[in-house]
Structures are given as structure tokens and as C-alpha cells.
């Protein structure tokens, strides 16, 4: 399978150089391509983005207005598509950081090519007040990509992006932006709003609960945003988050016929989790299971997996089953030893089992 970093290839550099040279005869394509390719190999994804941006720093005009004209001309000619726009965004975040009046509108023009969510973050750190003015205006932009940039670019803990420590400490400035976007007609935008809210939940759960409660009461398209934005708190069994979504953490639910088999496997194999739930009264149940993986230094905190949302009728048994594979993944290495699996209903652990992993799957 192709690695993401391979998208930033010598061939892409050649295409990017062609786009810019086609936009301006003054752009030295040969110098750019040579500088960008020399040293590209062996670097990871974001390091390649920065490396190519560095080559642009060496070859683009020193005046921001001149560079702006070249980039916009390339856009007008249909260039800078997809991954090719990422090093251009990174270049803007470096070369135009002291000129947000030029750099920020240019990022808005570029973001529909792929995304400018990473490049806008240095501007937020360096010029928060000025950048927030642009972001507030962009919440009403006709382009859904620009509206999404408002939410995604200002996420406190954007994956692959630099942390916005100011918004981690105090996210209230971005709540005002999200208020403008929670009912956006575009699911693309609303999904970003939900992910942003989920970021905030990791540091400010009370603020998120207050925001989600307000949105649930007045929003026209906020149901998905609230559910998706509360997912971290739901997985933690937070009673306030559960209540907002209609789950009663104090509901009487009993578990029977619980089984996890086989009890001993090798890496790459699968266990089957099965059980029956019976509620004393009609109950809306968020049924999950948590796996406490064995780490290099002991058992880790539980990773929660969604199993089902189910209406449990009073007094009637409902059967559940789920297969779970213990395989190495990019985000997780499976270690030998005991792994604890817990069944969680409306945030409460009802039963648990231990799976012993004895060694790697020799067939892999």
C-alpha cells in the first residue's frame, strides 16, 4: 500500500514547478525542482511538505504581493490541485506570516484544492485577533471548503497539526465560530464542527456539555454534531453527556450469559464477545465494550469500541455478539499477556473477561 508521504514525490515537485512557471515566466522552475527534490527522499509526510516549502522560499519572489499574484494565476489556470497545494500552503505560512492581509485570503483561495487547515494555525498563534476577524467573515462564505477551514483550522488538537495552546487553555473564542456553523447546510462542515467540539471535550467537558445542551435545544441540524461531538465523553461514561443524548446512566440493566471465547489466542486471531441484557424498564442503551490492551509497561487504559445503540424493552432479554480481532495496526502494537475486555452499558461496566495472548501469528 502506498504511504501518504509518497504523494509528495519528485513527480509532484515537477508538476508543481510547471504550475508556477506557467503562471509566471519569472519563476525559476529548474532551480525550484532541483532544490525541492535534493533531500526529499527519506523524509516523512509533513517533513516533505516543509522541505518543498523551503524550496519555494528560495525561488518565489520576496515580495508577498508578487508571490500572491503567481499563486493566484496558477489557481486560475487550474493548477495546484490536491497534494501539490500543501507545500504552497506551508510556504505561505512561512513567507507571509508577517502579512496576514495577503496570506490569509490566499489560504482561503487555496483551501478548496485540498485543505489549508495546517497552514492557518501559525497565523492564529501570531495574529489571533486579525485571524479571528477573517474566520468570522468566512463562516458566511459561499464555499463550503472555506467555511470548513474556519472550524478545522482552529481546532485545538488537530491531528498532524500544531497544537493551538491558547485555544486548549481557553476555547471560548472558537465556540462563537462553531455557533455560526453548527447548522451549516454542508455535512462536510458540520462534521468538522463535531470534531472540533470533541477536541474541546478533552480539556473542558463542562463547556462542551453546556454548548451541546444549547445546540440540542435550538439547532435545526445539530443532532449529528452533538452526538459526534460528545463521543469522547460518551466513551468515558460521562453522565452529563449520556443524559444529553437520552441515555440514563442509572437505568437498571443486568447482564447474563456473558462469554468471551476463546480465552487464549495468538496475535492476529479473533475472539467473540457475547451476552444478554435485560432492563427493568424500557431503556435506551448505549452498548459498548472496552479493551484494556497489554502495553510494554503494563495494561493500558481501556479503548472503547461502539457496539450498538438499542432500545431495551422492559423485562425482555436482548442478545448481543461482536467479534474483535487482536492484530497489529499503525496505531497499536499487540503485546503478549492478558488483555481485559469490559462490557459497558450507558457508561457503566457490567461484566468483564480476560483474553490471554500467547504469541505472534506465525502465518502472517
Protein backbone atom coordinates (compact mmCIF):
# COMPACT_ATOMS: atom_id res chain seq x y z
CA UNK A 1 0.00 0.00 0.00
CA UNK A 2 1.31 3.46 -0.93
CA UNK A 3 2.37 5.61 2.00
CA UNK A 4 0.89 9.11 2.19
CA UNK A 5 4.39 10.55 2.13
CA UNK A 6 4.89 9.12 -1.37
CA UNK A 7 2.28 11.56 -2.64
CA UNK A 8 4.92 14.27 -2.12
CA UNK A 9 7.10 12.75 -4.84
CA UNK A 10 9.65 14.11 -7.33
CA UNK A 11 6.90 13.85 -9.96
CA UNK A 12 4.64 16.08 -7.86
CA UNK A 13 7.50 18.57 -7.48
CA UNK A 14 7.87 18.65 -11.26
CA UNK A 15 4.14 19.29 -11.69
CA UNK A 16 4.14 21.99 -9.02
CA UNK A 17 7.09 23.70 -10.69
CA UNK A 18 5.24 23.54 -14.00
CA UNK A 19 2.12 25.12 -12.49
CA UNK A 20 4.09 28.04 -11.07
CA UNK A 21 6.26 28.51 -14.16
CA UNK A 22 3.13 28.51 -16.29
CA UNK A 23 1.77 31.30 -14.12
CA UNK A 24 4.93 33.42 -14.31
CA UNK A 25 7.83 33.36 -16.73
CA UNK A 26 9.98 34.83 -13.96
CA UNK A 27 9.65 31.73 -11.79
CA UNK A 28 12.81 29.62 -11.97
CA UNK A 29 11.35 26.16 -12.37
CA UNK A 30 14.71 24.43 -12.75
CA UNK A 31 16.13 25.88 -9.53
CA UNK A 32 12.96 25.07 -7.62
CA UNK A 33 12.75 21.47 -8.80
CA UNK A 34 16.43 20.82 -8.11
CA UNK A 35 16.24 22.31 -4.61
CA UNK A 36 12.97 20.54 -3.72
CA UNK A 37 13.99 17.09 -4.94
CA UNK A 38 17.50 17.14 -3.49
CA UNK A 39 16.98 15.82 0.06
CA UNK A 40 13.32 14.87 -0.35
CA UNK A 41 13.88 11.12 -0.12
CA UNK A 42 13.88 9.66 3.38
CA UNK A 43 11.60 12.33 4.87
CA UNK A 44 8.15 11.66 6.29
CA UNK A 45 4.96 13.33 5.07
CA UNK A 46 4.93 16.65 6.91
CA UNK A 47 8.71 16.92 6.68
CA UNK A 48 8.39 16.64 2.90
CA UNK A 49 5.77 19.37 2.89
CA UNK A 50 8.14 21.65 4.82
CA UNK A 51 11.09 20.72 2.62
CA UNK A 52 9.29 21.64 -0.59
CA UNK A 53 8.02 24.83 1.09
CA UNK A 54 11.64 25.67 1.84
CA UNK A 55 12.48 25.35 -1.85
CA UNK A 56 9.64 27.76 -2.60
CA UNK A 57 11.09 30.18 -0.06
CA UNK A 58 14.30 30.17 -2.11
CA UNK A 59 12.69 30.62 -5.53
CA UNK A 60 9.47 32.60 -5.14
CA UNK A 61 9.59 36.44 -5.29
CA UNK A 62 10.49 38.04 -1.95
CA UNK A 63 7.55 40.48 -2.03
CA UNK A 64 4.30 38.88 -0.76
CA UNK A 65 2.19 40.71 -3.34
CA UNK A 66 4.29 39.31 -6.20
CA UNK A 67 4.13 35.78 -4.81
CA UNK A 68 0.38 36.19 -4.31
CA UNK A 69 -0.08 37.05 -7.98
CA UNK A 70 1.83 33.95 -9.10
CA UNK A 71 -0.14 31.59 -6.85
CA UNK A 72 -3.47 33.09 -7.87
CA UNK A 73 -2.54 32.88 -11.54
CA UNK A 74 -1.67 29.20 -11.08
CA UNK A 75 -5.05 28.67 -9.43
CA UNK A 76 -6.81 30.46 -12.27
CA UNK A 77 -5.09 28.13 -14.74
CA UNK A 78 -6.36 25.08 -12.85
CA UNK A 79 -3.08 24.23 -11.13
CA UNK A 80 -2.06 23.43 -7.55
CA UNK A 81 -4.51 20.56 -7.29
CA UNK A 82 -4.61 18.10 -4.40
CA UNK A 83 -1.36 17.32 -2.60
CA UNK A 84 0.52 19.94 -4.64
CA UNK A 85 -1.26 22.67 -2.71
CA UNK A 86 0.07 21.51 0.68
CA UNK A 87 3.66 22.80 0.30
CA UNK A 88 2.27 26.02 -1.17
CA UNK A 89 0.12 26.45 1.94
CA UNK A 90 3.16 25.77 4.14
CA UNK A 91 5.18 28.29 2.14
CA UNK A 92 2.51 30.94 2.71
CA UNK A 93 2.55 30.23 6.46
CA UNK A 94 6.29 30.98 6.46
CA UNK A 95 6.76 33.66 3.82
CA UNK A 96 3.64 35.70 4.58
CA UNK A 97 3.30 35.23 8.32
CA UNK A 98 4.01 38.94 8.84
CA UNK A 99 1.46 39.83 6.17
CA UNK A 100 -1.81 38.21 7.22
CA UNK A 101 -3.64 40.65 4.96
CA UNK A 102 -2.07 38.83 1.99
CA UNK A 103 -1.52 35.34 3.36
CA UNK A 104 -4.94 34.65 4.87
CA UNK A 105 -7.05 35.50 1.79
CA UNK A 106 -4.62 33.43 -0.28
CA UNK A 107 -5.10 30.43 2.02
CA UNK A 108 -8.86 30.83 1.63
CA UNK A 109 -8.40 30.72 -2.14
CA UNK A 110 -6.25 27.58 -1.87
CA UNK A 111 -8.19 25.57 0.68
CA UNK A 112 -10.62 24.06 -1.83
CA UNK A 113 -7.68 22.43 -3.64
CA UNK A 114 -7.02 20.19 -0.63
CA UNK A 115 -7.02 21.96 2.73
CA UNK A 116 -5.28 24.92 4.34
CA UNK A 117 -6.15 23.77 7.88
CA UNK A 118 -2.49 23.27 8.85
CA UNK A 119 -1.14 26.47 7.33
CA UNK A 120 -3.62 28.78 9.03
CA UNK A 121 -2.53 27.75 12.51
CA UNK A 122 0.70 29.81 12.61
CA UNK A 123 -1.40 32.86 11.73
CA UNK A 124 -3.74 32.11 14.66
CA UNK A 125 -0.76 31.93 17.01
CA UNK A 126 0.96 35.04 15.65
CA UNK A 127 -2.07 37.22 14.87
CA UNK A 128 -5.05 35.82 16.73
CA UNK A 129 -7.21 38.95 16.68
CA UNK A 130 -6.66 39.62 12.99
CA UNK A 131 -7.12 35.97 12.03
CA UNK A 132 -10.32 35.68 14.03
CA UNK A 133 -11.79 38.58 12.03
CA UNK A 134 -11.21 36.63 8.84
CA UNK A 135 -12.60 33.44 10.38
CA UNK A 136 -15.79 35.17 11.50
CA UNK A 137 -16.28 36.55 7.98
CA UNK A 138 -15.59 33.15 6.42
CA UNK A 139 -18.39 31.48 8.41
CA UNK A 140 -20.69 33.09 5.83
CA UNK A 141 -18.57 32.29 2.77
CA UNK A 142 -20.35 30.68 -0.18
CA UNK A 143 -17.66 27.97 -0.45
CA UNK A 144 -18.10 25.08 1.98
CA UNK A 145 -14.34 24.49 1.93
CA UNK A 146 -13.73 27.97 3.31
CA UNK A 147 -16.41 27.53 5.96
CA UNK A 148 -14.87 24.22 6.97
CA UNK A 149 -11.46 25.92 7.19
CA UNK A 150 -12.91 28.10 9.96
CA UNK A 151 -13.72 25.11 12.15
CA UNK A 152 -10.96 22.69 11.16
CA UNK A 153 -8.16 25.24 11.12
CA UNK A 154 -9.00 26.47 14.62
CA UNK A 155 -9.36 23.01 16.22
CA UNK A 156 -7.25 23.00 19.40
CA UNK A 157 -5.89 19.48 18.83
CA UNK A 158 -5.99 18.98 15.07
CA UNK A 159 -4.34 15.66 14.13
CA UNK A 160 -0.99 16.24 12.35
CA UNK A 161 -1.32 19.96 13.11
CA UNK A 162 0.48 22.10 15.65
CA UNK A 163 -1.37 22.42 18.95
CA UNK A 164 -3.18 25.71 19.46
CA UNK A 165 -2.26 26.03 23.11
CA UNK A 166 -4.16 29.26 23.55
CA UNK A 167 -7.39 27.58 22.50
CA UNK A 168 -6.57 24.50 24.57
CA UNK A 169 -6.37 26.77 27.61
CA UNK A 170 -9.41 28.86 26.65
CA UNK A 171 -11.55 27.60 23.76
CA UNK A 172 -14.34 30.14 24.21
CA UNK A 173 -13.26 32.22 21.17
CA UNK A 174 -13.85 29.26 18.87
CA UNK A 175 -17.23 28.39 20.39
CA UNK A 176 -18.54 31.59 18.81
CA UNK A 177 -17.31 30.36 15.42
CA UNK A 178 -18.90 26.95 15.90
CA UNK A 179 -22.20 28.59 16.84
CA UNK A 180 -22.27 30.07 13.35
CA UNK A 181 -21.56 26.71 11.68
CA UNK A 182 -23.48 24.12 13.72
CA UNK A 183 -26.49 24.39 11.39
CA UNK A 184 -24.44 24.63 8.21
CA UNK A 185 -26.13 23.06 5.20
CA UNK A 186 -22.97 21.08 4.44
CA UNK A 187 -22.35 17.81 6.30
CA UNK A 188 -18.66 18.33 5.43
CA UNK A 189 -18.70 21.47 7.58
CA UNK A 190 -20.87 20.03 10.35
CA UNK A 191 -18.57 17.01 10.70
CA UNK A 192 -15.67 19.40 11.29
CA UNK A 193 -17.71 21.27 13.90
CA UNK A 194 -18.36 17.97 15.70
CA UNK A 195 -14.67 17.04 15.64
CA UNK A 196 -13.80 20.49 16.96
CA UNK A 197 -16.28 20.11 19.81
CA UNK A 198 -14.80 16.70 20.59
CA UNK A 199 -11.33 18.29 20.78
CA UNK A 200 -12.59 20.76 23.37
CA UNK A 201 -14.23 17.95 25.37
CA UNK A 202 -10.82 16.51 26.18
CA UNK A 203 -9.93 19.62 28.22
CA UNK A 204 -13.20 21.42 29.02
CA UNK A 205 -16.05 18.91 29.40
CA UNK A 206 -18.34 21.31 31.26
CA UNK A 207 -18.10 23.91 28.48
CA UNK A 208 -18.83 21.24 25.89
CA UNK A 209 -21.85 19.95 27.81
CA UNK A 210 -23.25 23.47 28.09
CA UNK A 211 -22.66 24.07 24.38
CA UNK A 212 -24.14 20.71 23.36
CA UNK A 213 -27.21 21.29 25.55
CA UNK A 214 -27.76 24.68 23.93
CA UNK A 215 -27.34 23.29 20.42
CA UNK A 216 -29.62 20.32 21.08
CA UNK A 217 -32.36 22.70 22.18
CA UNK A 218 -32.24 25.23 19.36
CA UNK A 219 -30.37 23.83 16.36
CA UNK A 220 -32.03 22.62 13.18
CA UNK A 221 -29.22 20.31 12.01
CA UNK A 222 -27.22 19.90 15.19
CA UNK A 223 -28.27 16.38 16.21
CA UNK A 224 -25.37 14.74 14.39
CA UNK A 225 -22.96 17.42 15.62
CA UNK A 226 -23.99 16.87 19.23
CA UNK A 227 -23.77 13.07 19.03
CA UNK A 228 -20.44 13.05 17.23
CA UNK A 229 -19.02 15.90 19.29
CA UNK A 230 -19.78 14.14 22.57
CA UNK A 231 -18.25 10.81 21.55
CA UNK A 232 -15.18 11.05 23.80
CA UNK A 233 -17.31 11.91 26.82
CA UNK A 234 -19.77 9.14 25.93
CA UNK A 235 -16.95 6.61 25.73
CA UNK A 236 -15.77 7.77 29.15
CA UNK A 237 -19.27 7.18 30.51
CA UNK A 238 -19.77 10.83 31.41
CA UNK A 239 -23.28 11.01 32.93
CA UNK A 240 -23.95 14.53 31.65
CA UNK A 241 -23.10 13.62 28.08
CA UNK A 242 -25.16 10.44 28.28
CA UNK A 243 -28.16 12.38 29.58
CA UNK A 244 -27.99 14.89 26.70
CA UNK A 245 -28.28 12.03 24.23
CA UNK A 246 -31.11 10.37 26.12
CA UNK A 247 -29.20 7.61 27.94
CA UNK A 248 -29.88 7.07 31.62
CA UNK A 249 -26.64 6.03 33.37
CA UNK A 250 -28.68 4.91 36.40
CA UNK A 251 -31.05 2.65 34.47
CA UNK A 252 -31.28 -0.86 35.90
CA UNK A 253 -29.78 -3.23 33.31
CA UNK A 254 -28.44 -6.69 34.12
CA UNK A 255 -26.12 -8.82 32.03
CA UNK A 256 -26.33 -12.61 31.74
CA UNK A 257 -24.78 -15.38 29.66
CA UNK A 258 -21.63 -13.36 29.25
CA UNK A 259 -18.87 -15.15 27.34
CA UNK A 260 -15.64 -14.26 25.60
CA UNK A 261 -14.10 -17.07 23.57
CA UNK A 262 -11.60 -18.38 23.03
CA UNK A 263 -9.83 -17.29 26.17
CA UNK A 264 -6.35 -17.74 24.67
CA UNK A 265 -5.23 -16.66 21.17
CA UNK A 266 -2.19 -15.54 19.20
CA UNK A 267 -1.72 -12.10 17.65
CA UNK A 268 -3.94 -11.74 14.59
CA UNK A 269 -6.68 -14.02 15.85
CA UNK A 270 -10.23 -13.10 16.84
CA UNK A 271 -12.38 -13.50 19.94
CA UNK A 272 -16.17 -13.46 20.09
CA UNK A 273 -17.88 -11.45 22.78
CA UNK A 274 -21.49 -12.46 23.52
CA UNK A 275 -24.01 -11.61 26.24
CA UNK A 276 -27.64 -10.91 27.02
CA UNK A 277 -29.03 -7.69 28.51
CA UNK A 278 -32.30 -7.30 30.37
CA UNK A 279 -33.63 -3.91 31.53
CA UNK A 280 -36.07 -3.42 34.38
CA UNK A 281 -37.88 -0.68 32.43
CA UNK A 282 -37.87 0.48 28.82
CA UNK A 283 -34.32 1.76 28.39
CA UNK A 284 -32.37 3.37 25.59
CA UNK A 285 -28.97 1.74 25.87
CA UNK A 286 -25.55 2.71 24.54
CA UNK A 287 -23.84 -0.67 24.47
CA UNK A 288 -20.05 -0.56 24.13
CA UNK A 289 -17.05 -2.64 25.05
CA UNK A 290 -13.65 -1.53 26.28
CA UNK A 291 -10.37 -3.34 25.62
CA UNK A 292 -7.52 -2.79 28.05
CA UNK A 293 -4.58 -3.70 25.84
CA UNK A 294 -1.39 -5.04 27.33
CA UNK A 295 1.31 -2.43 26.86
CA UNK A 296 5.06 -2.64 27.08
CA UNK A 297 4.82 -1.39 30.66
CA UNK A 298 1.60 -2.99 31.81
CA UNK A 299 -2.10 -2.90 31.00
CA UNK A 300 -3.29 0.31 29.36
CA UNK A 301 -6.42 2.35 29.97
CA UNK A 302 -9.41 0.99 28.11
CA UNK A 303 -10.03 1.74 24.43
CA UNK A 304 -13.80 1.91 23.94
CA UNK A 305 -15.43 0.42 20.83
CA UNK A 306 -19.02 1.15 19.85
CA UNK A 307 -21.20 -1.94 19.71
CA UNK A 308 -24.83 -0.81 19.47
CA UNK A 309 -27.46 1.73 20.44
CA UNK A 310 -30.53 -0.29 21.31
CA UNK A 311 -33.92 0.22 22.89
CA UNK A 312 -34.23 -2.47 25.57
CA UNK A 313 -37.89 -3.35 26.27
CA UNK A 314 -38.78 -3.82 29.92
CA UNK A 315 -38.11 -7.34 31.14
CA UNK A 316 -37.27 -8.83 27.73
CA UNK A 317 -33.79 -10.28 27.08
CA UNK A 318 -31.80 -8.90 24.14
CA UNK A 319 -28.83 -10.81 22.78
CA UNK A 320 -25.59 -9.17 21.59
CA UNK A 321 -22.50 -10.53 19.87
CA UNK A 322 -19.35 -8.96 18.47
CA UNK A 323 -16.07 -10.30 17.06
CA UNK A 324 -12.86 -8.48 17.94
CA UNK A 325 -9.53 -9.08 16.25
CA UNK A 326 -6.27 -8.56 18.12
CA UNK A 327 -4.00 -7.57 15.25
CA UNK A 328 -1.10 -5.14 14.92
CA UNK A 329 -2.12 -1.78 13.45
CA UNK A 330 -0.46 1.54 12.73
CA UNK A 331 -1.88 2.98 15.96
CA UNK A 332 -1.35 -0.07 18.14
CA UNK A 333 1.08 -2.95 18.64
CA UNK A 334 -0.38 -6.06 20.26
CA UNK A 335 1.76 -7.39 23.13
CA UNK A 336 1.59 -10.84 24.65
CA UNK A 337 -0.06 -11.21 28.03
CA UNK A 338 -3.54 -10.63 29.48
CA UNK A 339 -5.96 -8.22 27.80
CA UNK A 340 -9.10 -7.26 29.71
CA UNK A 341 -12.42 -6.76 27.88
CA UNK A 342 -15.31 -4.98 29.62
CA UNK A 343 -18.95 -4.62 28.59
CA UNK A 344 -20.20 -1.09 29.20
CA UNK A 345 -23.86 -0.01 29.10
CA UNK A 346 -24.76 3.66 29.47
CA UNK A 347 -21.30 4.29 30.85
CA UNK A 348 -21.40 1.53 33.50
CA UNK A 349 -19.24 -1.60 33.38
CA UNK A 350 -21.46 -4.67 33.76
CA UNK A 351 -19.02 -7.55 33.26
CA UNK A 352 -15.51 -8.36 32.08
CA UNK A 353 -13.27 -11.15 30.82
CA UNK A 354 -9.55 -11.64 30.22
CA UNK A 355 -8.05 -12.85 26.96
CA UNK A 356 -4.52 -14.25 27.09
CA UNK A 357 -2.40 -13.54 24.02
CA UNK A 358 0.43 -16.01 23.82
CA UNK A 359 2.44 -15.01 20.76
CA UNK A 360 2.50 -13.74 17.19
CA UNK A 361 0.54 -15.41 14.43
CA UNK A 362 3.22 -17.40 12.62
CA UNK A 363 1.14 -17.47 9.44
CA UNK A 364 1.47 -13.71 8.93
